[in-house]
């Protein structure tokens, strides 16, 4: 019941959809310092629903081009839905929201049903301790640095 209500709330009522790009480590060429000089590669995006928490826009001085704007965004995904579409969030993945791209910096998976972690609990039944959500925090990233091209409709 708990799972059904949360899924229905996010999928049918809130309906905030994002495009999720998973970083392809196999197709990303790294130099000896671990940097992707030629740019990072991503798999085709997966459309997901989530809760969004927008941070304030911040303006940062850039020596070459004047002022630059950045913004932090928090994405709250239901863990069972991520398992269903075979997506495991990692730092470096990209989330697109309304044509803007956010690179994930932090992934928090510490929200459990009744606060119990079934993987490490003692004598806890299978209905308790399921991982419930992934809370991902990312920063606004420039499209020119991402090597992502939108297909034509």
N, C-alpha and C. Protein backbone atom coordinates (compact mmCIF):
# COMPACT_ATOMS: atom_id res chain seq x y z
N UNK A 1 0.83 -1.19 0.00
CA UNK A 1 0.00 0.00 0.00
C UNK A 1 0.88 1.26 0.00
N UNK A 2 1.90 1.25 0.83
CA UNK A 2 2.83 2.39 0.93
C UNK A 2 3.47 2.68 -0.42
N UNK A 3 3.94 1.64 -1.07
CA UNK A 3 4.58 1.76 -2.38
C UNK A 3 3.60 2.26 -3.43
N UNK A 4 2.39 1.72 -3.42
CA UNK A 4 1.38 2.09 -4.41
C UNK A 4 0.98 3.56 -4.28
N UNK A 5 0.78 4.04 -3.07
CA UNK A 5 0.38 5.44 -2.86
C UNK A 5 1.47 6.40 -3.31
N UNK A 6 2.73 6.12 -2.95
CA UNK A 6 3.83 7.00 -3.36
C UNK A 6 4.03 7.00 -4.86
N UNK A 7 3.93 5.83 -5.47
CA UNK A 7 4.09 5.74 -6.92
C UNK A 7 2.97 6.51 -7.64
N UNK A 8 1.75 6.35 -7.17
CA UNK A 8 0.61 7.05 -7.77
C UNK A 8 0.74 8.56 -7.58
N UNK A 9 1.20 8.99 -6.43
CA UNK A 9 1.36 10.41 -6.15
C UNK A 9 2.37 11.05 -7.11
N UNK A 10 3.53 10.42 -7.28
CA UNK A 10 4.57 10.98 -8.14
C UNK A 10 4.22 10.83 -9.62
N UNK A 11 3.71 9.67 -10.03
CA UNK A 11 3.43 9.41 -11.44
C UNK A 11 2.18 10.13 -11.95
N UNK A 12 1.11 10.18 -11.15
CA UNK A 12 -0.17 10.67 -11.64
C UNK A 12 -0.56 12.06 -11.15
N UNK A 13 -0.06 12.47 -10.01
CA UNK A 13 -0.46 13.77 -9.46
C UNK A 13 0.61 14.83 -9.70
N UNK A 14 1.82 14.57 -9.25
CA UNK A 14 2.89 15.57 -9.37
C UNK A 14 3.42 15.65 -10.79
N UNK A 15 3.71 14.53 -11.40
CA UNK A 15 4.10 14.41 -12.80
C UNK A 15 5.26 15.31 -13.23
N UNK A 16 6.32 15.39 -12.45
CA UNK A 16 7.51 16.14 -12.86
C UNK A 16 8.45 15.17 -13.56
N UNK A 17 8.54 15.29 -14.88
CA UNK A 17 9.35 14.37 -15.66
C UNK A 17 10.70 14.99 -15.99
N UNK A 18 11.72 14.15 -15.97
CA UNK A 18 13.07 14.56 -16.34
C UNK A 18 13.64 13.50 -17.29
N UNK A 19 14.66 13.89 -18.02
CA UNK A 19 15.41 12.96 -18.86
C UNK A 19 16.70 12.63 -18.10
N UNK A 20 16.97 11.35 -17.90
CA UNK A 20 18.12 10.92 -17.12
C UNK A 20 19.15 10.29 -18.05
N UNK A 21 20.37 10.85 -18.11
CA UNK A 21 21.45 10.34 -18.94
C UNK A 21 22.46 9.63 -18.05
N UNK A 22 22.67 8.34 -18.30
CA UNK A 22 23.64 7.55 -17.54
C UNK A 22 25.00 7.67 -18.22
N UNK A 23 26.03 7.95 -17.43
CA UNK A 23 27.39 8.06 -17.93
C UNK A 23 27.88 6.71 -18.42
N UNK A 24 28.41 6.67 -19.64
CA UNK A 24 28.94 5.44 -20.23
C UNK A 24 30.45 5.42 -20.04
N UNK A 25 30.90 4.70 -19.02
CA UNK A 25 32.34 4.64 -18.76
C UNK A 25 33.09 3.89 -19.85
N UNK A 26 32.45 2.90 -20.48
CA UNK A 26 33.11 2.13 -21.52
C UNK A 26 33.43 2.99 -22.74
N UNK A 27 32.61 3.97 -23.04
CA UNK A 27 32.80 4.81 -24.23
C UNK A 27 33.47 6.14 -23.94
N UNK A 28 33.83 6.40 -22.70
CA UNK A 28 34.51 7.64 -22.33
C UNK A 28 36.01 7.38 -22.26
N UNK A 29 36.75 8.14 -23.04
CA UNK A 29 38.21 7.99 -23.07
C UNK A 29 38.82 8.90 -22.02
N UNK A 30 39.56 8.33 -21.08
CA UNK A 30 40.21 9.11 -20.02
C UNK A 30 41.71 9.14 -20.27
N UNK A 31 42.35 10.27 -19.92
CA UNK A 31 43.81 10.36 -20.03
C UNK A 31 44.46 9.80 -18.77
N UNK A 32 45.77 9.94 -18.65
CA UNK A 32 46.49 9.36 -17.51
C UNK A 32 46.10 9.97 -16.17
N UNK A 33 45.46 11.15 -16.19
CA UNK A 33 45.03 11.80 -14.96
C UNK A 33 43.57 11.49 -14.61
N UNK A 34 42.93 10.67 -15.41
CA UNK A 34 41.53 10.32 -15.17
C UNK A 34 40.56 11.34 -15.69
N UNK A 35 41.03 12.27 -16.52
CA UNK A 35 40.16 13.30 -17.09
C UNK A 35 39.69 12.86 -18.47
N UNK A 36 38.47 13.22 -18.81
CA UNK A 36 37.92 12.88 -20.13
C UNK A 36 38.18 14.05 -21.07
N UNK A 37 39.36 14.06 -21.68
CA UNK A 37 39.78 15.17 -22.53
C UNK A 37 38.87 15.32 -23.75
N UNK A 38 38.40 14.21 -24.31
CA UNK A 38 37.54 14.26 -25.49
C UNK A 38 36.06 14.41 -25.13
N UNK A 39 35.76 14.51 -23.86
CA UNK A 39 34.37 14.62 -23.42
C UNK A 39 33.84 13.30 -22.94
N UNK A 40 32.80 13.34 -22.15
CA UNK A 40 32.18 12.14 -21.60
C UNK A 40 31.11 11.65 -22.57
N UNK A 41 30.84 10.35 -22.52
CA UNK A 41 29.80 9.75 -23.34
C UNK A 41 28.66 9.29 -22.44
N UNK A 42 27.45 9.41 -22.96
CA UNK A 42 26.26 9.04 -22.20
C UNK A 42 25.38 8.13 -23.02
N UNK A 43 24.65 7.25 -22.34
CA UNK A 43 23.65 6.43 -23.01
C UNK A 43 22.44 7.29 -23.34
N UNK A 44 21.54 6.76 -24.18
CA UNK A 44 20.31 7.49 -24.51
C UNK A 44 19.53 7.74 -23.22
N UNK A 45 18.83 8.86 -23.14
CA UNK A 45 18.15 9.20 -21.89
C UNK A 45 16.94 8.32 -21.59
N UNK A 46 16.65 8.22 -20.30
CA UNK A 46 15.47 7.52 -19.80
C UNK A 46 14.57 8.57 -19.16
N UNK A 47 13.30 8.54 -19.48
CA UNK A 47 12.36 9.50 -18.89
C UNK A 47 11.88 8.96 -17.54
N UNK A 48 12.06 9.79 -16.49
CA UNK A 48 11.69 9.40 -15.13
C UNK A 48 10.85 10.50 -14.49
N UNK A 49 10.03 10.11 -13.53
CA UNK A 49 9.31 11.09 -12.73
C UNK A 49 10.02 11.21 -11.39
N UNK A 50 9.97 12.41 -10.81
CA UNK A 50 10.64 12.64 -9.54
C UNK A 50 10.07 13.90 -8.89
N UNK A 51 10.54 14.16 -7.70
CA UNK A 51 10.27 15.43 -7.03
C UNK A 51 11.49 16.30 -7.24
N UNK A 52 11.27 17.57 -7.55
CA UNK A 52 12.36 18.51 -7.77
C UNK A 52 12.39 19.56 -6.67
N UNK A 53 13.58 19.90 -6.27
CA UNK A 53 13.77 20.98 -5.31
C UNK A 53 14.83 21.91 -5.89
N UNK A 54 14.37 23.06 -6.37
CA UNK A 54 15.27 24.00 -7.05
C UNK A 54 15.97 24.90 -6.04
N UNK A 55 17.27 25.04 -6.22
CA UNK A 55 18.04 25.99 -5.43
C UNK A 55 18.01 27.35 -6.11
N UNK A 56 18.49 28.35 -5.42
CA UNK A 56 18.57 29.69 -6.00
C UNK A 56 19.69 29.76 -7.03
N UNK A 57 19.50 30.61 -8.03
CA UNK A 57 20.56 30.82 -9.00
C UNK A 57 21.65 31.68 -8.36
N UNK A 58 22.90 31.32 -8.65
CA UNK A 58 24.04 32.05 -8.11
C UNK A 58 24.89 32.54 -9.27
N UNK A 59 25.35 33.76 -9.17
CA UNK A 59 26.19 34.32 -10.23
C UNK A 59 27.64 34.29 -9.77
N UNK A 60 28.49 33.78 -10.67
CA UNK A 60 29.90 33.60 -10.36
C UNK A 60 30.71 34.37 -11.39
N UNK A 61 31.75 35.07 -10.94
CA UNK A 61 32.61 35.82 -11.85
C UNK A 61 33.49 34.86 -12.64
N UNK A 62 33.54 35.06 -13.95
CA UNK A 62 34.38 34.27 -14.84
C UNK A 62 35.38 35.24 -15.48
N UNK A 63 36.67 34.95 -15.33
CA UNK A 63 37.70 35.87 -15.81
C UNK A 63 37.64 36.11 -17.31
N UNK A 64 37.24 35.11 -18.08
CA UNK A 64 37.25 35.22 -19.53
C UNK A 64 35.97 35.82 -20.10
N UNK A 65 34.83 35.48 -19.53
CA UNK A 65 33.57 35.85 -20.16
C UNK A 65 32.65 36.69 -19.30
N UNK A 66 33.08 37.20 -18.18
CA UNK A 66 32.22 38.00 -17.31
C UNK A 66 31.52 37.13 -16.28
N UNK A 67 30.22 37.34 -16.11
CA UNK A 67 29.46 36.60 -15.11
C UNK A 67 28.90 35.30 -15.69
N UNK A 68 28.85 34.29 -14.84
CA UNK A 68 28.28 33.00 -15.21
C UNK A 68 27.25 32.65 -14.14
N UNK A 69 26.20 31.95 -14.54
CA UNK A 69 25.14 31.59 -13.60
C UNK A 69 25.20 30.09 -13.32
N UNK A 70 24.95 29.73 -12.08
CA UNK A 70 24.89 28.32 -11.70
C UNK A 70 23.69 28.13 -10.77
N UNK A 71 23.26 26.89 -10.64
CA UNK A 71 22.10 26.58 -9.80
C UNK A 71 22.23 25.15 -9.32
N UNK A 72 21.84 24.91 -8.11
CA UNK A 72 21.83 23.57 -7.56
C UNK A 72 20.41 23.03 -7.61
N UNK A 73 20.27 21.74 -7.89
CA UNK A 73 18.95 21.12 -7.99
C UNK A 73 19.00 19.78 -7.24
N UNK A 74 17.92 19.48 -6.52
CA UNK A 74 17.80 18.21 -5.83
C UNK A 74 16.71 17.40 -6.50
N UNK A 75 17.03 16.15 -6.84
CA UNK A 75 16.11 15.24 -7.51
C UNK A 75 15.81 14.09 -6.55
N UNK A 76 14.52 13.82 -6.33
CA UNK A 76 14.12 12.76 -5.41
C UNK A 76 13.38 11.69 -6.21
N UNK A 77 14.06 10.55 -6.41
CA UNK A 77 13.52 9.44 -7.19
C UNK A 77 13.05 8.32 -6.27
N UNK A 78 11.99 7.62 -6.66
CA UNK A 78 11.57 6.43 -5.94
C UNK A 78 12.49 5.28 -6.34
N UNK A 79 13.09 4.63 -5.37
CA UNK A 79 14.05 3.55 -5.62
C UNK A 79 13.42 2.37 -6.38
N UNK A 80 12.20 1.93 -6.03
CA UNK A 80 11.61 0.81 -6.79
C UNK A 80 11.43 1.14 -8.28
N UNK A 81 11.12 2.38 -8.60
CA UNK A 81 10.96 2.78 -10.01
C UNK A 81 12.31 2.76 -10.73
N UNK A 82 13.37 3.19 -10.03
CA UNK A 82 14.71 3.15 -10.63
C UNK A 82 15.13 1.71 -10.92
N UNK A 83 14.81 0.79 -10.00
CA UNK A 83 15.13 -0.62 -10.22
C UNK A 83 14.35 -1.17 -11.41
N UNK A 84 13.11 -0.72 -11.55
CA UNK A 84 12.25 -1.18 -12.64
C UNK A 84 12.83 -0.82 -14.01
N UNK A 85 13.42 0.37 -14.14
CA UNK A 85 13.99 0.81 -15.43
C UNK A 85 15.50 0.58 -15.49
N UNK A 86 16.05 -0.11 -14.48
CA UNK A 86 17.46 -0.49 -14.43
C UNK A 86 18.40 0.73 -14.45
N UNK A 87 18.12 1.71 -13.59
CA UNK A 87 18.98 2.90 -13.44
C UNK A 87 19.45 2.97 -12.00
N UNK A 88 20.76 3.04 -11.83
CA UNK A 88 21.36 3.22 -10.52
C UNK A 88 22.12 4.54 -10.56
N UNK A 89 21.61 5.59 -9.91
CA UNK A 89 22.25 6.91 -10.00
C UNK A 89 23.70 6.90 -9.50
N UNK A 90 24.55 7.62 -10.24
CA UNK A 90 25.95 7.75 -9.88
C UNK A 90 26.37 9.20 -10.10
N UNK A 91 27.40 9.62 -9.38
CA UNK A 91 27.96 10.95 -9.60
C UNK A 91 28.48 11.00 -11.03
N UNK A 92 28.20 12.09 -11.71
CA UNK A 92 28.61 12.26 -13.10
C UNK A 92 27.48 12.06 -14.09
N UNK A 93 26.38 11.42 -13.66
CA UNK A 93 25.22 11.28 -14.53
C UNK A 93 24.59 12.66 -14.74
N UNK A 94 23.80 12.78 -15.80
CA UNK A 94 23.17 14.05 -16.16
C UNK A 94 21.66 13.93 -16.09
N UNK A 95 21.01 14.96 -15.56
CA UNK A 95 19.56 15.03 -15.54
C UNK A 95 19.15 16.30 -16.27
N UNK A 96 18.25 16.15 -17.25
CA UNK A 96 17.76 17.31 -18.02
C UNK A 96 16.39 17.71 -17.50
N UNK A 97 16.26 18.99 -17.18
CA UNK A 97 14.99 19.55 -16.71
C UNK A 97 14.71 20.80 -17.54
N UNK A 98 13.63 20.77 -18.32
CA UNK A 98 13.21 21.93 -19.11
C UNK A 98 14.34 22.51 -19.95
N UNK A 99 15.12 21.64 -20.59
CA UNK A 99 16.19 22.08 -21.47
C UNK A 99 17.48 22.45 -20.78
N UNK A 100 17.52 22.37 -19.45
CA UNK A 100 18.74 22.65 -18.70
C UNK A 100 19.32 21.34 -18.19
N UNK A 101 20.64 21.26 -18.12
CA UNK A 101 21.31 20.03 -17.73
C UNK A 101 21.98 20.20 -16.37
N UNK A 102 21.85 19.16 -15.54
CA UNK A 102 22.42 19.16 -14.20
C UNK A 102 23.29 17.91 -14.04
N UNK A 103 24.54 18.11 -13.65
CA UNK A 103 25.44 16.99 -13.41
C UNK A 103 25.34 16.61 -11.94
N UNK A 104 25.13 15.33 -11.68
CA UNK A 104 24.95 14.86 -10.31
C UNK A 104 26.28 14.82 -9.57
N UNK A 105 26.28 15.38 -8.35
CA UNK A 105 27.46 15.42 -7.50
C UNK A 105 27.33 14.47 -6.31
N UNK A 106 26.13 14.39 -5.75
CA UNK A 106 25.91 13.58 -4.54
C UNK A 106 24.70 12.68 -4.74
N UNK A 107 24.83 11.45 -4.25
CA UNK A 107 23.72 10.49 -4.29
C UNK A 107 23.51 10.00 -2.85
N UNK A 108 22.32 10.19 -2.33
CA UNK A 108 22.00 9.75 -0.97
C UNK A 108 20.91 8.68 -1.05
N UNK A 109 21.25 7.51 -0.58
CA UNK A 109 20.27 6.43 -0.50
C UNK A 109 20.22 5.98 0.96
N UNK A 110 19.53 6.76 1.76
CA UNK A 110 19.49 6.43 3.18
C UNK A 110 18.09 6.58 3.78
N UNK A 111 17.09 6.46 2.94
CA UNK A 111 15.71 6.54 3.42
C UNK A 111 15.13 5.13 3.33
N UNK A 112 14.88 4.53 4.48
CA UNK A 112 14.40 3.15 4.53
C UNK A 112 13.02 3.11 5.17
N UNK A 113 12.23 2.11 4.77
CA UNK A 113 10.91 1.93 5.36
C UNK A 113 11.09 1.60 6.83
N UNK A 114 10.45 2.35 7.69
CA UNK A 114 10.52 2.23 9.14
C UNK A 114 11.94 2.44 9.67
N UNK A 115 12.82 3.03 8.85
CA UNK A 115 14.16 3.35 9.28
C UNK A 115 15.09 2.16 9.44
N UNK A 116 14.69 0.99 8.95
CA UNK A 116 15.49 -0.23 9.12
C UNK A 116 16.10 -0.62 7.78
N UNK A 117 17.38 -0.93 7.79
CA UNK A 117 18.09 -1.39 6.61
C UNK A 117 18.04 -2.91 6.59
N UNK A 118 17.27 -3.46 5.69
CA UNK A 118 17.05 -4.91 5.62
C UNK A 118 18.34 -5.67 5.34
N UNK A 119 19.31 -5.06 4.65
CA UNK A 119 20.57 -5.73 4.34
C UNK A 119 21.43 -5.92 5.58
N UNK A 120 21.27 -5.07 6.58
CA UNK A 120 22.12 -5.14 7.77
C UNK A 120 21.35 -5.36 9.06
N UNK A 121 20.05 -5.51 8.97
CA UNK A 121 19.24 -5.69 10.17
C UNK A 121 19.26 -7.12 10.66
N UNK A 122 18.95 -7.29 11.92
CA UNK A 122 18.88 -8.62 12.51
C UNK A 122 17.42 -8.97 12.71
N UNK A 123 17.05 -10.12 12.24
CA UNK A 123 15.70 -10.66 12.37
C UNK A 123 14.62 -9.68 11.91
N UNK A 124 14.88 -9.03 10.79
CA UNK A 124 13.88 -8.11 10.21
C UNK A 124 13.23 -8.83 9.05
N UNK A 125 11.92 -8.78 8.99
CA UNK A 125 11.20 -9.45 7.91
C UNK A 125 11.41 -8.75 6.57
N UNK A 126 11.09 -9.40 5.46
CA UNK A 126 11.31 -8.84 4.13
C UNK A 126 10.44 -7.62 3.83
N UNK A 127 9.37 -7.42 4.59
CA UNK A 127 8.50 -6.27 4.34
C UNK A 127 9.02 -4.99 4.99
N UNK A 128 10.07 -5.09 5.78
CA UNK A 128 10.63 -3.93 6.44
C UNK A 128 12.04 -3.65 5.93
N UNK A 129 12.43 -2.41 5.94
CA UNK A 129 13.81 -2.06 5.64
C UNK A 129 14.12 -1.91 4.18
N UNK A 130 13.14 -1.88 3.32
CA UNK A 130 13.40 -1.70 1.90
C UNK A 130 13.91 -0.28 1.64
N UNK A 131 14.89 -0.15 0.78
CA UNK A 131 15.39 1.17 0.40
C UNK A 131 14.30 1.89 -0.37
N UNK A 132 13.99 3.11 0.02
CA UNK A 132 12.81 3.76 -0.49
C UNK A 132 13.07 4.79 -1.57
N UNK A 133 14.15 5.58 -1.45
CA UNK A 133 14.37 6.65 -2.42
C UNK A 133 15.85 6.92 -2.61
N UNK A 134 16.15 7.56 -3.74
CA UNK A 134 17.48 8.08 -4.01
C UNK A 134 17.34 9.58 -4.13
N UNK A 135 18.07 10.30 -3.31
CA UNK A 135 18.06 11.76 -3.35
C UNK A 135 19.37 12.20 -3.96
N UNK A 136 19.29 12.83 -5.12
CA UNK A 136 20.47 13.20 -5.89
C UNK A 136 20.58 14.72 -5.95
N UNK A 137 21.78 15.22 -5.74
CA UNK A 137 22.02 16.66 -5.78
C UNK A 137 22.99 16.94 -6.93
N UNK A 138 22.60 17.88 -7.78
CA UNK A 138 23.44 18.21 -8.92
C UNK A 138 23.56 19.71 -9.13
N UNK A 139 24.50 20.08 -9.98
CA UNK A 139 24.71 21.49 -10.30
C UNK A 139 24.46 21.71 -11.79
N UNK A 140 24.08 22.94 -12.13
CA UNK A 140 23.83 23.30 -13.52
C UNK A 140 25.11 23.14 -14.32
N UNK A 141 25.04 22.46 -15.44
CA UNK A 141 26.21 22.23 -16.28
C UNK A 141 25.97 22.81 -17.67
N UNK A 142 27.01 23.36 -18.25
CA UNK A 142 26.88 23.92 -19.60
C UNK A 142 26.76 22.80 -20.62
N UNK A 143 25.90 23.00 -21.60
CA UNK A 143 25.69 22.01 -22.65
C UNK A 143 26.97 21.80 -23.45
N UNK A 144 27.74 22.85 -23.67
CA UNK A 144 28.95 22.74 -24.48
C UNK A 144 29.99 21.81 -23.86
N UNK A 145 29.95 21.60 -22.57
CA UNK A 145 30.90 20.72 -21.91
C UNK A 145 30.43 19.27 -21.84
N UNK A 146 29.18 19.01 -22.19
CA UNK A 146 28.59 17.69 -21.97
C UNK A 146 28.64 16.77 -23.18
N UNK A 147 28.76 17.28 -24.37
CA UNK A 147 28.76 16.46 -25.59
C UNK A 147 27.41 15.75 -25.77
N UNK A 148 26.32 16.40 -25.37
CA UNK A 148 24.98 15.82 -25.55
C UNK A 148 24.30 16.60 -26.66
N UNK A 149 23.80 15.88 -27.64
CA UNK A 149 23.07 16.52 -28.73
C UNK A 149 21.63 16.04 -28.69
N UNK A 150 20.71 16.99 -28.75
CA UNK A 150 19.29 16.64 -28.78
C UNK A 150 18.92 16.25 -30.20
N UNK A 151 18.17 15.17 -30.30
CA UNK A 151 17.69 14.75 -31.62
C UNK A 151 16.57 15.66 -32.09
N UNK A 152 16.39 15.73 -33.37
CA UNK A 152 15.30 16.54 -33.93
C UNK A 152 14.00 15.80 -33.78
N UNK A 153 12.90 16.55 -33.53
CA UNK A 153 11.60 15.89 -33.38
C UNK A 153 11.10 15.31 -34.68
